[in-house]
C-alpha atoms as a PDB file:
ATOM      1  CA  MET A   1     -14.772 -17.452   4.091  1.00  0.00           C
ATOM      2  CA  SER A   2     -16.253 -14.010   3.380  1.00  0.00           C
ATOM      3  CA  SER A   3     -14.493 -11.364   1.316  1.00  0.00           C
ATOM      4  CA  ALA A   4     -12.978  -8.364   3.055  1.00  0.00           C
ATOM      5  CA  VAL A   5     -12.062  -6.614  -0.205  1.00  0.00           C
ATOM      6  CA  GLN A   6     -14.038  -6.809  -3.451  1.00  0.00           C
ATOM      7  CA  CYS A   7     -12.948  -5.119  -6.672  1.00  0.00           C
ATOM      8  CA  ASP A   8     -15.417  -5.470  -9.575  1.00  0.00           C
ATOM      9  CA  GLY A   9     -14.685  -4.158 -13.076  1.00  0.00           C
ATOM     10  CA  VAL A  10     -12.633  -1.193 -11.874  1.00  0.00           C
ATOM     11  CA  TRP A  11     -11.195   1.280 -14.386  1.00  0.00           C
ATOM     12  CA  LYS A  12      -9.190   4.414 -13.610  1.00  0.00           C
ATOM     13  CA  ARG A  13      -8.209   6.992 -16.209  1.00  0.00           C
ATOM     14  CA  TYR A  14      -5.109   9.127 -15.860  1.00  0.00           C
ATOM     15  CA  GLY A  15      -6.137  12.715 -15.093  1.00  0.00           C
ATOM     16  CA  ARG A  16      -4.659  14.697 -17.961  1.00  0.00           C
ATOM     17  CA  GLN A  17      -5.338  18.416 -18.363  1.00  0.00           C
ATOM     18  CA  PRO A  18      -3.895  20.732 -21.032  1.00  0.00           C
ATOM     19  CA  ARG A  19      -0.707  22.217 -19.664  1.00  0.00           C
ATOM     20  CA  GLY A  20      -0.482  25.455 -21.674  1.00  0.00           C
ATOM     21  CA  ILE A  21      -1.968  27.771 -24.316  1.00  0.00           C
ATOM     22  CA  LYS A  22      -0.580  25.640 -27.158  1.00  0.00           C
ATOM     23  CA  GLU A  23      -2.321  22.492 -25.951  1.00  0.00           C
ATOM     24  CA  LEU A  24      -5.553  24.389 -25.360  1.00  0.00           C
ATOM     25  CA  LEU A  25      -5.483  25.717 -28.945  1.00  0.00           C
ATOM     26  CA  VAL A  26      -4.115  22.819 -30.989  1.00  0.00           C
ATOM     27  CA  GLY A  27      -4.675  19.895 -28.653  1.00  0.00           C
ATOM     28  CA  ARG A  28      -2.340  17.277 -27.269  1.00  0.00           C
ATOM     29  CA  HIS A  29      -0.290  15.002 -29.464  1.00  0.00           C
ATOM     30  CA  LYS A  30      -1.650  11.460 -29.139  1.00  0.00           C
ATOM     31  CA  ALA A  31       0.955   9.420 -27.266  1.00  0.00           C
ATOM     32  CA  ASP A  32       1.630   5.745 -27.751  1.00  0.00           C
ATOM     33  CA  ASP A  33      -0.090   3.430 -25.289  1.00  0.00           C
ATOM     34  CA  SER A  34       3.118   2.770 -23.396  1.00  0.00           C
ATOM     35  CA  ARG A  35       3.927   2.245 -19.738  1.00  0.00           C
ATOM     36  CA  TYR A  36       3.941   5.908 -18.703  1.00  0.00           C
ATOM     37  CA  SER A  37       1.695   7.502 -21.360  1.00  0.00           C
ATOM     38  CA  ARG A  38      -1.307   5.175 -21.667  1.00  0.00           C
ATOM     39  CA  GLU A  39      -4.792   6.607 -21.257  1.00  0.00           C
ATOM     40  CA  TRP A  40      -5.986   4.178 -18.566  1.00  0.00           C
ATOM     41  CA  ALA A  41      -3.995   3.635 -15.398  1.00  0.00           C
ATOM     42  CA  LEU A  42      -6.134   0.565 -14.607  1.00  0.00           C
ATOM     43  CA  ARG A  43      -8.489  -1.407 -16.825  1.00  0.00           C
ATOM     44  CA  ASP A  44     -11.191  -3.867 -15.764  1.00  0.00           C
ATOM     45  CA  ILE A  45      -9.641  -4.956 -12.465  1.00  0.00           C
ATOM     46  CA  ASN A  46     -11.461  -7.831 -10.756  1.00  0.00           C
ATOM     47  CA  PHE A  47     -10.425  -9.664  -7.596  1.00  0.00           C
ATOM     48  CA  ALA A  48     -11.556 -10.546  -4.082  1.00  0.00           C
ATOM     49  CA  VAL A  49      -9.512 -10.896  -0.909  1.00  0.00           C
ATOM     50  CA  GLU A  50     -10.759 -13.262   1.776  1.00  0.00           C
ATOM     51  CA  ARG A  51     -10.956 -12.102   5.360  1.00  0.00           C
ATOM     52  CA  GLY A  52      -7.909 -13.223   7.359  1.00  0.00           C
ATOM     53  CA  SER A  53      -5.642 -13.586   4.324  1.00  0.00           C
ATOM     54  CA  ALA A  54      -2.771 -11.627   2.759  1.00  0.00           C
ATOM     55  CA  PHE A  55      -3.004 -10.527  -0.891  1.00  0.00           C
ATOM     56  CA  GLY A  56       0.093  -9.522  -2.868  1.00  0.00           C
ATOM     57  CA  ILE A  57       0.182  -7.088  -5.797  1.00  0.00           C
ATOM     58  CA  VAL A  58       3.210  -7.174  -8.094  1.00  0.00           C
ATOM     59  CA  GLY A  59       4.166  -5.604 -11.410  1.00  0.00           C
ATOM     60  CA  HIS A  60       6.831  -3.463 -13.006  1.00  0.00           C
ATOM     61  CA  ASN A  61       7.097   0.261 -12.209  1.00  0.00           C
ATOM     62  CA  GLY A  62       4.303   2.350 -13.726  1.00  0.00           C
ATOM     63  CA  THR A  63       1.852  -0.522 -14.045  1.00  0.00           C
ATOM     64  CA  GLY A  64      -0.783   0.836 -11.639  1.00  0.00           C
ATOM     65  CA  LYS A  65       0.000  -0.768  -8.261  1.00  0.00           C
ATOM     66  CA  SER A  66       0.013   2.439  -6.194  1.00  0.00           C
ATOM     67  CA  THR A  67      -3.040   3.734  -8.069  1.00  0.00           C
ATOM     68  CA  LEU A  68      -4.874   0.546  -7.098  1.00  0.00           C
ATOM     69  CA  LEU A  69      -3.938   1.005  -3.433  1.00  0.00           C
ATOM     70  CA  SER A  70      -5.190   4.610  -3.540  1.00  0.00           C
ATOM     71  CA  LEU A  71      -8.494   3.381  -4.958  1.00  0.00           C
ATOM     72  CA  LEU A  72      -8.812   0.763  -2.213  1.00  0.00           C
ATOM     73  CA  LEU A  73      -8.021   3.386   0.430  1.00  0.00           C
ATOM     74  CA  GLY A  74     -10.649   5.684  -1.052  1.00  0.00           C
ATOM     75  CA  THR A  75      -8.403   8.694  -1.652  1.00  0.00           C
ATOM     76  CA  ILE A  76      -9.389   8.638  -5.349  1.00  0.00           C
ATOM     77  CA  PRO A  77     -12.594   7.255  -6.931  1.00  0.00           C
ATOM     78  CA  PRO A  78     -12.780   4.742  -9.799  1.00  0.00           C
ATOM     79  CA  ASP A  79     -14.065   5.967 -13.165  1.00  0.00           C
ATOM     80  CA  ARG A  80     -15.918   2.686 -13.660  1.00  0.00           C
ATOM     81  CA  GLY A  81     -16.703  -0.306 -11.503  1.00  0.00           C
ATOM     82  CA  ASN A  82     -17.158  -0.824  -7.790  1.00  0.00           C
ATOM     83  CA  ILE A  83     -14.905  -1.336  -4.767  1.00  0.00           C
ATOM     84  CA  ARG A  84     -16.239  -2.716  -1.499  1.00  0.00           C
ATOM     85  CA  MET A  85     -14.152  -2.696   1.670  1.00  0.00           C
ATOM     86  CA  HIS A  86     -15.816  -4.658   4.462  1.00  0.00           C
ATOM     87  CA  GLY A  87     -14.275  -3.246   7.624  1.00  0.00           C
ATOM     88  CA  ARG A  88     -12.138  -0.444   8.968  1.00  0.00           C
ATOM     89  CA  VAL A  89      -9.150   0.380   6.735  1.00  0.00           C
ATOM     90  CA  ALA A  90      -5.693   1.823   7.479  1.00  0.00           C
ATOM     91  CA  SER A  91      -2.674   2.245   5.232  1.00  0.00           C
ATOM     92  CA  MET A  92       1.065   1.819   5.625  1.00  0.00           C
ATOM     93  CA  LEU A  93       1.959   3.817   2.525  1.00  0.00           C
ATOM     94  CA  GLU A  94       4.418   6.330   3.984  1.00  0.00           C
ATOM     95  CA  LEU A  95       5.002   5.815   7.685  1.00  0.00           C
ATOM     96  CA  GLY A  96       4.895   9.014   9.705  1.00  0.00           C
ATOM     97  CA  ALA A  97       3.628  11.145   6.797  1.00  0.00           C
ATOM     98  CA  GLY A  98       1.161  12.846   9.159  1.00  0.00           C
ATOM     99  CA  PHE A  99       3.723  13.723  11.851  1.00  0.00           C
ATOM    100  CA  HIS A 100       4.440  17.367  12.724  1.00  0.00           C
ATOM    101  CA  PRO A 101       8.172  18.082  13.168  1.00  0.00           C
ATOM    102  CA  GLU A 102       7.713  20.561  16.025  1.00  0.00           C
ATOM    103  CA  LEU A 103       5.584  18.200  18.143  1.00  0.00           C
ATOM    104  CA  THR A 104       7.053  15.522  20.386  1.00  0.00           C
ATOM    105  CA  GLY A 105       6.798  11.830  19.631  1.00  0.00           C
ATOM    106  CA  ARG A 106       4.101  11.483  22.285  1.00  0.00           C
ATOM    107  CA  GLU A 107       2.099  14.401  20.863  1.00  0.00           C
ATOM    108  CA  ASN A 108       2.447  13.008  17.366  1.00  0.00           C
ATOM    109  CA  ILE A 109       0.943   9.698  18.472  1.00  0.00           C
ATOM    110  CA  PHE A 110      -2.227  11.631  19.319  1.00  0.00           C
ATOM    111  CA  LEU A 111      -2.062  13.562  16.039  1.00  0.00           C
ATOM    112  CA  TYR A 112      -1.362  10.534  13.844  1.00  0.00           C
ATOM    113  CA  GLY A 113      -3.849   8.364  15.706  1.00  0.00           C
ATOM    114  CA  SER A 114      -6.552  10.955  15.066  1.00  0.00           C
ATOM    115  CA  ILE A 115      -5.671  11.026  11.369  1.00  0.00           C
ATOM    116  CA  LEU A 116      -6.022   7.226  11.339  1.00  0.00           C
ATOM    117  CA  GLY A 117      -9.504   7.535  12.821  1.00  0.00           C
ATOM    118  CA  MET A 118      -8.795   6.599  16.448  1.00  0.00           C
ATOM    119  CA  SER A 119     -10.820   8.255  19.189  1.00  0.00           C
ATOM    120  CA  LEU A 120      -9.065  10.095  22.009  1.00  0.00           C
ATOM    121  CA  THR A 121     -10.016   7.273  24.365  1.00  0.00           C
ATOM    122  CA  GLU A 122      -8.556   4.644  22.018  1.00  0.00           C
ATOM    123  CA  ILE A 123      -5.284   6.574  21.760  1.00  0.00           C
ATOM    124  CA  ARG A 124      -4.994   7.014  25.528  1.00  0.00           C
ATOM    125  CA  ASN A 125      -5.763   3.329  26.130  1.00  0.00           C
ATOM    126  CA  ASN A 126      -3.062   2.264  23.671  1.00  0.00           C
ATOM    127  CA  LEU A 127      -0.455   4.966  24.353  1.00  0.00           C
ATOM    128  CA  ASP A 128       1.853   2.873  26.559  1.00  0.00           C
ATOM    129  CA  LYS A 129       1.626  -0.082  24.152  1.00  0.00           C
ATOM    130  CA  ILE A 130       2.498   2.129  21.177  1.00  0.00           C
ATOM    131  CA  ILE A 131       5.512   3.626  22.945  1.00  0.00           C
ATOM    132  CA  GLY A 132       6.638   0.228  24.206  1.00  0.00           C
ATOM    133  CA  PHE A 133       6.363  -1.405  20.769  1.00  0.00           C
ATOM    134  CA  SER A 134       8.342   1.429  19.148  1.00  0.00           C
ATOM    135  CA  GLU A 135      11.139   1.075  21.746  1.00  0.00           C
ATOM    136  CA  LEU A 136      11.488   4.878  21.728  1.00  0.00           C
ATOM    137  CA  ASP A 137      10.814   5.443  25.433  1.00  0.00           C
ATOM    138  CA  GLY A 138      13.911   7.594  25.912  1.00  0.00           C
ATOM    139  CA  ALA A 139      13.068   9.895  22.987  1.00  0.00           C
ATOM    140  CA  ILE A 140       9.288   9.961  23.102  1.00  0.00           C
ATOM    141  CA  ASP A 141       9.137  13.483  24.579  1.00  0.00           C
ATOM    142  CA  ASN A 142      11.648  14.923  22.110  1.00  0.00           C
ATOM    143  CA  GLN A 143      10.498  16.828  19.035  1.00  0.00           C
ATOM    144  CA  ILE A 144      10.078  14.667  15.926  1.00  0.00           C
ATOM    145  CA  ARG A 145      12.511  16.897  14.005  1.00  0.00           C
ATOM    146  CA  THR A 146      15.268  15.406  16.153  1.00  0.00           C
ATOM    147  CA  TYR A 147      14.345  11.836  15.097  1.00  0.00           C
ATOM    148  CA  SER A 148      16.095   9.853  12.406  1.00  0.00           C
ATOM    149  CA  SER A 149      14.027   8.506   9.503  1.00  0.00           C
ATOM    150  CA  GLY A 150      14.216   5.061  11.088  1.00  0.00           C
ATOM    151  CA  MET A 151      12.839   6.351  14.394  1.00  0.00           C
ATOM    152  CA  ILE A 152       9.987   8.091  12.579  1.00  0.00           C
ATOM    153  CA  ALA A 153       9.148   4.881  10.707  1.00  0.00           C
ATOM    154  CA  ARG A 154       9.186   2.939  13.991  1.00  0.00           C
ATOM    155  CA  LEU A 155       6.746   5.341  15.628  1.00  0.00           C
ATOM    156  CA  GLY A 156       4.526   5.386  12.543  1.00  0.00           C
ATOM    157  CA  PHE A 157       4.388   1.588  12.333  1.00  0.00           C
ATOM    158  CA  SER A 158       3.753   1.282  16.071  1.00  0.00           C
ATOM    159  CA  THR A 159       0.850   3.735  15.942  1.00  0.00           C
ATOM    160  CA  ILE A 160      -0.798   1.962  13.016  1.00  0.00           C
ATOM    161  CA  ALA A 161      -0.170  -1.432  14.631  1.00  0.00           C
ATOM    162  CA  HIS A 162      -2.322  -0.378  17.586  1.00  0.00           C
ATOM    163  CA  THR A 163      -5.108   1.140  15.524  1.00  0.00           C
ATOM    164  CA  PRO A 164      -8.258  -1.043  15.605  1.00  0.00           C
ATOM    165  CA  VAL A 165      -8.600  -1.888  11.903  1.00  0.00           C
ATOM    166  CA  ASP A 166      -9.758  -4.859   9.841  1.00  0.00           C
ATOM    167  CA  ILE A 167      -7.815  -4.202   6.619  1.00  0.00           C
ATOM    168  CA  LEU A 168      -4.227  -2.967   6.223  1.00  0.00           C
ATOM    169  CA  LEU A 169      -2.927  -1.618   2.909  1.00  0.00           C
ATOM    170  CA  ILE A 170       0.869  -1.782   2.673  1.00  0.00           C
ATOM    171  CA  ASP A 171       3.102  -0.209   0.005  1.00  0.00           C
ATOM    172  CA  GLU A 172       6.684  -1.493   0.311  1.00  0.00           C
ATOM    173  CA  VAL A 173       6.657  -1.032   4.118  1.00  0.00           C
ATOM    174  CA  LEU A 174       7.765  -4.525   5.145  1.00  0.00           C
ATOM    175  CA  ALA A 175      11.154  -3.689   6.646  1.00  0.00           C
ATOM    176  CA  VAL A 176      11.304  -1.023   9.354  1.00  0.00           C
ATOM    177  CA  GLY A 177      14.353  -0.383  11.545  1.00  0.00           C
ATOM    178  CA  ASP A 178      17.021  -2.899  12.480  1.00  0.00           C
ATOM    179  CA  SER A 179      16.726  -6.686  12.148  1.00  0.00           C
ATOM    180  CA  HIS A 180      15.246  -7.023  15.652  1.00  0.00           C
ATOM    181  CA  PHE A 181      12.490  -4.514  14.941  1.00  0.00           C
ATOM    182  CA  GLN A 182      11.870  -6.014  11.493  1.00  0.00           C
ATOM    183  CA  GLU A 183      11.171  -9.337  13.197  1.00  0.00           C
ATOM    184  CA  LYS A 184       8.678  -7.609  15.502  1.00  0.00           C
ATOM    185  CA  CYS A 185       6.933  -6.042  12.506  1.00  0.00           C
ATOM    186  CA  GLY A 186       6.785  -9.373  10.676  1.00  0.00           C
ATOM    187  CA  GLN A 187       5.365 -11.093  13.739  1.00  0.00           C
ATOM    188  CA  TYR A 188       2.776  -8.344  14.148  1.00  0.00           C
ATOM    189  CA  LEU A 189       1.581  -8.841  10.552  1.00  0.00           C
ATOM    190  CA  GLN A 190       1.339 -12.605  11.071  1.00  0.00           C
ATOM    191  CA  ASP A 191      -0.614 -12.059  14.295  1.00  0.00           C
ATOM    192  CA  PHE A 192      -2.867  -9.558  12.494  1.00  0.00           C
ATOM    193  CA  LYS A 193      -3.763 -12.255   9.965  1.00  0.00           C
ATOM    194  CA  ALA A 194      -4.351 -14.786  12.746  1.00  0.00           C
ATOM    195  CA  ARG A 195      -6.885 -12.351  14.266  1.00  0.00           C
ATOM    196  CA  GLN A 196      -8.742 -12.415  10.917  1.00  0.00           C
ATOM    197  CA  GLY A 197      -7.197  -9.151   9.769  1.00  0.00           C
ATOM    198  CA  THR A 198      -6.721  -8.735   6.022  1.00  0.00           C
ATOM    199  CA  LEU A 199      -3.510  -7.545   4.340  1.00  0.00           C
ATOM    200  CA  VAL A 200      -3.104  -6.080   0.848  1.00  0.00           C
ATOM    201  CA  ILE A 201       0.603  -5.711   0.079  1.00  0.00           C
ATOM    202  CA  VAL A 202       2.434  -4.039  -2.807  1.00  0.00           C
ATOM    203  CA  SER A 203       6.117  -4.953  -2.805  1.00  0.00           C
ATOM    204  CA  HIS A 204       9.111  -5.857  -4.959  1.00  0.00           C
ATOM    205  CA  ASP A 205      10.392  -8.146  -2.205  1.00  0.00           C
ATOM    206  CA  MET A 206       9.496 -11.520  -3.689  1.00  0.00           C
ATOM    207  CA  GLU A 207      10.774 -13.480  -0.700  1.00  0.00           C
ATOM    208  CA  ALA A 208       8.647 -11.494   1.759  1.00  0.00           C
ATOM    209  CA  LEU A 209       5.547 -11.808  -0.437  1.00  0.00           C
ATOM    210  CA  ALA A 210       6.033 -15.565  -0.807  1.00  0.00           C
ATOM    211  CA  GLU A 211       6.297 -15.903   2.962  1.00  0.00           C
ATOM    212  CA  MET A 212       3.441 -13.570   3.905  1.00  0.00           C
ATOM    213  CA  CYS A 213       0.816 -13.808   1.146  1.00  0.00           C
ATOM    214  CA  ASP A 214      -1.724 -16.463   0.224  1.00  0.00           C
ATOM    215  CA  SER A 215      -2.863 -15.129  -3.156  1.00  0.00           C
ATOM    216  CA  GLY A 216      -2.331 -12.121  -5.402  1.00  0.00           C
ATOM    217  CA  ILE A 217      -2.294 -10.524  -8.832  1.00  0.00           C
ATOM    218  CA  CYS A 218       0.371  -9.478 -11.306  1.00  0.00           C
ATOM    219  CA  LEU A 219      -0.400  -6.214 -13.095  1.00  0.00           C
ATOM    220  CA  ASN A 220       0.911  -5.342 -16.554  1.00  0.00           C
ATOM    221  CA  MET A 221       0.063  -2.114 -18.385  1.00  0.00           C
ATOM    222  CA  GLY A 222      -2.849  -1.481 -16.030  1.00  0.00           C
ATOM    223  CA  HIS A 223      -4.618  -4.809 -16.378  1.00  0.00           C
ATOM    224  CA  VAL A 224      -4.438  -8.117 -14.504  1.00  0.00           C
ATOM    225  CA  LEU A 225      -1.967 -10.394 -16.249  1.00  0.00           C
ATOM    226  CA  VAL A 226      -2.472 -13.300 -13.850  1.00  0.00           C
ATOM    227  CA  GLN A 227      -4.140 -13.926 -10.504  1.00  0.00           C
ATOM    228  CA  GLY A 228      -4.354 -16.841  -8.119  1.00  0.00           C
ATOM    229  CA  SER A 229      -1.983 -18.445  -5.619  1.00  0.00           C
ATOM    230  CA  ILE A 230       0.974 -16.272  -4.696  1.00  0.00           C
ATOM    231  CA  SER A 231       3.445 -18.870  -5.987  1.00  0.00           C
ATOM    232  CA  ASN A 232       1.882 -18.811  -9.478  1.00  0.00           C
ATOM    233  CA  VAL A 233       1.661 -15.003  -9.486  1.00  0.00           C
ATOM    234  CA  LEU A 234       5.320 -14.581  -8.503  1.00  0.00           C
ATOM    235  CA  SER A 235       6.427 -17.138 -11.116  1.00  0.00           C
ATOM    236  CA  GLU A 236       4.564 -15.236 -13.832  1.00  0.00           C
ATOM    237  CA  TYR A 237       5.998 -11.936 -12.637  1.00  0.00           C
ATOM    238  CA  GLU A 238       9.535 -13.336 -12.757  1.00  0.00           C
ATOM    239  CA  ALA A 239       8.886 -14.544 -16.332  1.00  0.00           C
ATOM    240  CA  VAL A 240       7.581 -11.113 -17.362  1.00  0.00           C
ATOM    241  CA  MET A 241      10.573  -9.338 -15.851  1.00  0.00           C
ATOM    242  CA  THR A 242      12.989 -11.751 -17.503  1.00  0.00           C
ATOM    243  CA  MET A 243      11.365 -11.062 -20.876  1.00  0.00           C
ATOM    244  CA  SER A 244      11.463  -7.345 -20.168  1.00  0.00           C
ATOM    245  CA  ARG A 245      15.220  -7.461 -19.538  1.00  0.00           C
ATOM    246  CA  ARG A 246      15.785  -9.347 -22.773  1.00  0.00           C
ATOM    247  CA  GLU A 247      13.371  -7.277 -24.874  1.00  0.00           C
ATOM    248  CA  PRO A 248      12.926  -3.879 -23.178  1.00  0.00           C
ATOM    249  CA  LYS A 249      10.153  -2.699 -25.517  1.00  0.00           C
ATOM    250  CA  GLN A 250       8.095  -5.845 -25.331  1.00  0.00           C
ATOM    251  CA  ILE A 251       6.638  -5.156 -21.874  1.00  0.00           C
ATOM    252  CA  CYS A 252       5.197  -1.872 -23.118  1.00  0.00           C
ATOM    253  CA  LYS A 253       3.114  -3.484 -25.885  1.00  0.00           C
ATOM    254  CA  GLU A 254      -0.199  -5.259 -25.810  1.00  0.00           C
END
């Protein structure tokens, strides 16, 4: 199978600028290379994700998972290395982040769809499907400011689910709404894979990753600690977290 995502020797440095006159004059005190103060957010990241598969990314907080997703999405560039995304990309990083509170749900579908790169024709052709999937028919012409956070997430997921993309980047958005709607979301992601769509998922939900993903990586201090089958990656991550709980400082050392 061909790769949908290719990450070759990628490095990303934390953007640090002097924060005041003192630092400009005398410089910054050199911090230890710890979880939240290291120079490089990511170091020499290499992996490939096959088309039609799901790839999980795990690691403790501050290890570079969200930075990696931002690099894959293209919102920030790598300092070294190359990233190749073969296909149209969308992200489920913060559902409904592009919604305007004074617009109705229906109007926000057009707004959010445009942000996601859909044409006006594509949005119109999928409008009824988006509304139907969200199950918000009775509230779709109300202003978004009257929606609950769960309703906003539903509409955001539904809009993305009907965007014609090849690669979906997901950051912890695996459970939206009540149990019934969560099942719909899970089934959509499985169907997306079956249509040769590619998923890249960051999550702390080990059970969901084990069920959804085929392969993955475990990040530690900005580098790949282990990669391969999702079962091996999750086992290594559990071992790292167990060690971290026993020896809190150990995880922050090379």
